[in-house]
Amino acid sequence: MGDGQPARMERGLELRREVLGAGHVDAALAAVTEFTRPIQEYVTQACWGDVWSRPGLDRRTRSLVNLGMLTALNRMTEFGVHVRGARRNGCTEAEIQEVLLQTAAYCGAPAALEAFRIAARVLDEFRAETAAAHDGASPG
């Protein structure tokens, strides 16, 4: 690793955990093998440590852009992860819906329909988790 690699990795891990949730990131890292280690390091350093940490766009905007791109690419596993991240970044369900409607016009209805199906499931899960966390919070 070069001199900047540890800083990129730490910055990337911190941001990745903030956006996607520590549980998701920790599970991904726990599943790393010698074969998959390079791609996990690349994603953490380049995508999260370099690009997501740039000041040019806020996290909400980056999340919405990601949802459009992942729909266009039909990468539904990553799309679902980023729907959750978008909500954690403050994107509303209405904003997510609008991005997906935009993809219908430019990527096609089949891609948008699949994205809507995945987003609906993830949003339901997110609402349930948020409600459970709120119900379990101690008053104070």
C-alpha atoms as a PDB file:
ATOM      1  CA  MET A   1       0.000   0.000   0.000  1.00  0.00           C
ATOM      2  CA  GLY A   2       1.170   3.517  -0.769  1.00  0.00           C
ATOM      3  CA  ASP A   3       1.356   6.312   1.778  1.00  0.00           C
ATOM      4  CA  GLY A   4      -2.226   7.461   1.150  1.00  0.00           C
ATOM      5  CA  GLN A   5      -3.809   4.003   1.250  1.00  0.00           C
ATOM      6  CA  PRO A   6      -4.431   3.730   5.030  1.00  0.00           C
ATOM      7  CA  ALA A   7      -6.034   7.194   5.119  1.00  0.00           C
ATOM      8  CA  ARG A   8      -8.216   6.359   2.105  1.00  0.00           C
ATOM      9  CA  MET A   9      -9.219   3.058   3.699  1.00  0.00           C
ATOM     10  CA  GLU A  10     -10.107   4.641   7.053  1.00  0.00           C
ATOM     11  CA  ARG A  11     -12.004   7.522   5.419  1.00  0.00           C
ATOM     12  CA  GLY A  12     -13.784   5.041   3.156  1.00  0.00           C
ATOM     13  CA  LEU A  13     -14.727   2.675   5.981  1.00  0.00           C
ATOM     14  CA  GLU A  14     -16.082   5.509   8.094  1.00  0.00           C
ATOM     15  CA  LEU A  15     -18.196   6.927   5.273  1.00  0.00           C
ATOM     16  CA  ARG A  16     -19.333   3.508   4.061  1.00  0.00           C
ATOM     17  CA  ARG A  17     -20.534   2.650   7.582  1.00  0.00           C
ATOM     18  CA  GLU A  18     -22.319   5.991   7.964  1.00  0.00           C
ATOM     19  CA  VAL A  19     -24.200   5.607   4.680  1.00  0.00           C
ATOM     20  CA  LEU A  20     -24.850   1.868   4.470  1.00  0.00           C
ATOM     21  CA  GLY A  21     -24.868   1.017   8.160  1.00  0.00           C
ATOM     22  CA  ALA A  22     -22.185  -0.645  10.223  1.00  0.00           C
ATOM     23  CA  GLY A  23     -24.005  -3.994  10.170  1.00  0.00           C
ATOM     24  CA  HIS A  24     -24.000  -4.187   6.388  1.00  0.00           C
ATOM     25  CA  VAL A  25     -20.373  -3.112   6.049  1.00  0.00           C
ATOM     26  CA  ASP A  26     -19.163  -5.358   8.860  1.00  0.00           C
ATOM     27  CA  ALA A  27     -20.960  -8.342   7.304  1.00  0.00           C
ATOM     28  CA  ALA A  28     -19.400  -7.611   3.907  1.00  0.00           C
ATOM     29  CA  LEU A  29     -15.947  -7.341   5.445  1.00  0.00           C
ATOM     30  CA  ALA A  30     -16.432 -10.490   7.550  1.00  0.00           C
ATOM     31  CA  ALA A  31     -17.173 -12.414   4.355  1.00  0.00           C
ATOM     32  CA  VAL A  32     -13.937 -11.277   2.673  1.00  0.00           C
ATOM     33  CA  THR A  33     -11.679 -14.005   1.360  1.00  0.00           C
ATOM     34  CA  GLU A  34      -8.219 -13.733  -0.084  1.00  0.00           C
ATOM     35  CA  PHE A  35      -9.888 -13.767  -3.498  1.00  0.00           C
ATOM     36  CA  THR A  36     -12.413 -10.990  -2.716  1.00  0.00           C
ATOM     37  CA  ARG A  37     -10.131  -8.816  -0.567  1.00  0.00           C
ATOM     38  CA  PRO A  38      -8.876  -6.697  -3.516  1.00  0.00           C
ATOM     39  CA  ILE A  39     -12.376  -5.690  -4.629  1.00  0.00           C
ATOM     40  CA  GLN A  40     -13.463  -4.816  -1.086  1.00  0.00           C
ATOM     41  CA  GLU A  41     -10.338  -2.695  -0.661  1.00  0.00           C
ATOM     42  CA  TYR A  42     -10.931  -1.030  -4.038  1.00  0.00           C
ATOM     43  CA  VAL A  43     -14.576  -0.219  -3.274  1.00  0.00           C
ATOM     44  CA  THR A  44     -13.740   1.099   0.184  1.00  0.00           C
ATOM     45  CA  GLN A  45     -10.771   3.200  -0.934  1.00  0.00           C
ATOM     46  CA  ALA A  46     -11.800   4.424  -4.388  1.00  0.00           C
ATOM     47  CA  CYS A  47     -15.589   4.612  -4.257  1.00  0.00           C
ATOM     48  CA  TRP A  48     -16.011   5.618  -0.614  1.00  0.00           C
ATOM     49  CA  GLY A  49     -12.629   7.073   0.381  1.00  0.00           C
ATOM     50  CA  ASP A  50     -12.082   9.063  -2.810  1.00  0.00           C
ATOM     51  CA  VAL A  51     -15.404   9.731  -4.573  1.00  0.00           C
ATOM     52  CA  TRP A  52     -18.112   9.705  -1.880  1.00  0.00           C
ATOM     53  CA  SER A  53     -15.938  11.879   0.360  1.00  0.00           C
ATOM     54  CA  ARG A  54     -15.556  14.657  -2.238  1.00  0.00           C
ATOM     55  CA  PRO A  55     -17.248  17.966  -1.376  1.00  0.00           C
ATOM     56  CA  GLY A  56     -18.754  18.603  -4.844  1.00  0.00           C
ATOM     57  CA  LEU A  57     -22.059  16.837  -4.155  1.00  0.00           C
ATOM     58  CA  ASP A  58     -23.829  16.207  -0.888  1.00  0.00           C
ATOM     59  CA  ARG A  59     -24.662  12.674   0.216  1.00  0.00           C
ATOM     60  CA  ARG A  60     -28.347  13.001  -0.652  1.00  0.00           C
ATOM     61  CA  THR A  61     -27.512  13.930  -4.240  1.00  0.00           C
ATOM     62  CA  ARG A  62     -24.929  11.147  -4.547  1.00  0.00           C
ATOM     63  CA  SER A  63     -27.517   8.668  -3.277  1.00  0.00           C
ATOM     64  CA  LEU A  64     -30.128   9.764  -5.809  1.00  0.00           C
ATOM     65  CA  VAL A  65     -27.600   9.647  -8.656  1.00  0.00           C
ATOM     66  CA  ASN A  66     -26.573   6.134  -7.560  1.00  0.00           C
ATOM     67  CA  LEU A  67     -30.177   4.928  -7.605  1.00  0.00           C
ATOM     68  CA  GLY A  68     -30.592   6.124 -11.180  1.00  0.00           C
ATOM     69  CA  MET A  69     -27.319   4.577 -12.334  1.00  0.00           C
ATOM     70  CA  LEU A  70     -27.882   1.251 -10.588  1.00  0.00           C
ATOM     71  CA  THR A  71     -31.355   1.047 -12.120  1.00  0.00           C
ATOM     72  CA  ALA A  72     -29.933   1.749 -15.571  1.00  0.00           C
ATOM     73  CA  LEU A  73     -27.296  -0.927 -15.058  1.00  0.00           C
ATOM     74  CA  ASN A  74     -29.850  -3.374 -13.567  1.00  0.00           C
ATOM     75  CA  ARG A  75     -27.658  -4.001 -10.518  1.00  0.00           C
ATOM     76  CA  MET A  76     -30.499  -4.751  -8.138  1.00  0.00           C
ATOM     77  CA  THR A  77     -28.488  -6.169  -5.232  1.00  0.00           C
ATOM     78  CA  GLU A  78     -26.445  -2.968  -4.993  1.00  0.00           C
ATOM     79  CA  PHE A  79     -29.576  -0.935  -5.765  1.00  0.00           C
ATOM     80  CA  GLY A  80     -31.319  -2.324  -2.669  1.00  0.00           C
ATOM     81  CA  VAL A  81     -28.306  -1.512  -0.511  1.00  0.00           C
ATOM     82  CA  HIS A  82     -28.297   2.046  -1.846  1.00  0.00           C
ATOM     83  CA  VAL A  83     -32.049   2.549  -1.301  1.00  0.00           C
ATOM     84  CA  ARG A  84     -31.368   2.000   2.389  1.00  0.00           C
ATOM     85  CA  GLY A  85     -28.348   4.298   2.143  1.00  0.00           C
ATOM     86  CA  ALA A  86     -30.447   6.969   0.449  1.00  0.00           C
ATOM     87  CA  ARG A  87     -32.909   6.945   3.332  1.00  0.00           C
ATOM     88  CA  ARG A  88     -30.029   7.104   5.834  1.00  0.00           C
ATOM     89  CA  ASN A  89     -28.727  10.097   3.853  1.00  0.00           C
ATOM     90  CA  GLY A  90     -32.045  11.914   4.216  1.00  0.00           C
ATOM     91  CA  CYS A  91     -33.630  11.198   0.842  1.00  0.00           C
ATOM     92  CA  THR A  92     -37.399  11.028   1.067  1.00  0.00           C
ATOM     93  CA  GLU A  93     -39.495   8.244  -0.370  1.00  0.00           C
ATOM     94  CA  ALA A  94     -40.993  10.803  -2.761  1.00  0.00           C
ATOM     95  CA  GLU A  95     -37.521  11.720  -4.059  1.00  0.00           C
ATOM     96  CA  ILE A  96     -36.647   8.061  -4.557  1.00  0.00           C
ATOM     97  CA  GLN A  97     -39.938   7.568  -6.379  1.00  0.00           C
ATOM     98  CA  GLU A  98     -39.213  10.524  -8.678  1.00  0.00           C
ATOM     99  CA  VAL A  99     -35.752   9.196  -9.552  1.00  0.00           C
ATOM    100  CA  LEU A 100     -37.275   5.825 -10.422  1.00  0.00           C
ATOM    101  CA  LEU A 101     -39.959   7.449 -12.558  1.00  0.00           C
ATOM    102  CA  GLN A 102     -37.177   9.339 -14.359  1.00  0.00           C
ATOM    103  CA  THR A 103     -35.447   6.013 -15.050  1.00  0.00           C
ATOM    104  CA  ALA A 104     -38.637   4.678 -16.632  1.00  0.00           C
ATOM    105  CA  ALA A 105     -38.448   7.435 -19.223  1.00  0.00           C
ATOM    106  CA  TYR A 106     -34.749   7.047 -19.974  1.00  0.00           C
ATOM    107  CA  CYS A 107     -33.886   3.423 -19.085  1.00  0.00           C
ATOM    108  CA  GLY A 108     -37.169   1.718 -19.878  1.00  0.00           C
ATOM    109  CA  ALA A 109     -40.146   0.434 -17.967  1.00  0.00           C
ATOM    110  CA  PRO A 110     -38.726  -3.045 -17.207  1.00  0.00           C
ATOM    111  CA  ALA A 111     -35.715  -1.570 -15.394  1.00  0.00           C
ATOM    112  CA  ALA A 112     -37.885   0.903 -13.502  1.00  0.00           C
ATOM    113  CA  LEU A 113     -40.475  -1.736 -12.565  1.00  0.00           C
ATOM    114  CA  GLU A 114     -37.778  -3.950 -11.071  1.00  0.00           C
ATOM    115  CA  ALA A 115     -36.284  -0.987  -9.222  1.00  0.00           C
ATOM    116  CA  PHE A 116     -39.717  -0.036  -7.855  1.00  0.00           C
ATOM    117  CA  ARG A 117     -40.237  -3.610  -6.619  1.00  0.00           C
ATOM    118  CA  ILE A 118     -36.890  -3.679  -4.832  1.00  0.00           C
ATOM    119  CA  ALA A 119     -37.283  -0.142  -3.470  1.00  0.00           C
ATOM    120  CA  ALA A 120     -40.772  -0.893  -2.104  1.00  0.00           C
ATOM    121  CA  ARG A 121     -39.441  -3.937  -0.225  1.00  0.00           C
ATOM    122  CA  VAL A 122     -36.416  -2.086   1.168  1.00  0.00           C
ATOM    123  CA  LEU A 123     -38.476   0.961   2.132  1.00  0.00           C
ATOM    124  CA  ASP A 124     -40.971  -1.268   3.984  1.00  0.00           C
ATOM    125  CA  GLU A 125     -38.072  -2.891   5.850  1.00  0.00           C
ATOM    126  CA  PHE A 126     -36.517   0.495   6.600  1.00  0.00           C
ATOM    127  CA  ARG A 127     -39.804   1.871   7.988  1.00  0.00           C
ATOM    128  CA  ALA A 128     -40.241  -1.218  10.175  1.00  0.00           C
ATOM    129  CA  GLU A 129     -36.668  -0.966  11.480  1.00  0.00           C
ATOM    130  CA  THR A 130     -37.048   2.756  12.151  1.00  0.00           C
ATOM    131  CA  ALA A 131     -40.348   2.202  13.975  1.00  0.00           C
ATOM    132  CA  ALA A 132     -38.842  -0.618  16.051  1.00  0.00           C
ATOM    133  CA  ALA A 133     -35.834   1.535  16.939  1.00  0.00           C
ATOM    134  CA  HIS A 134     -38.163   4.398  17.881  1.00  0.00           C
ATOM    135  CA  ASP A 135     -40.382   2.110  19.975  1.00  0.00           C
ATOM    136  CA  GLY A 136     -37.329   0.731  21.771  1.00  0.00           C
ATOM    137  CA  ALA A 137     -35.828   4.145  22.481  1.00  0.00           C
ATOM    138  CA  SER A 138     -35.935   5.173  26.073  1.00  0.00           C
ATOM    139  CA  PRO A 139     -37.634   8.479  26.805  1.00  0.00           C
ATOM    140  CA  GLY A 140     -35.383  11.185  27.933  1.00  0.00           C
END
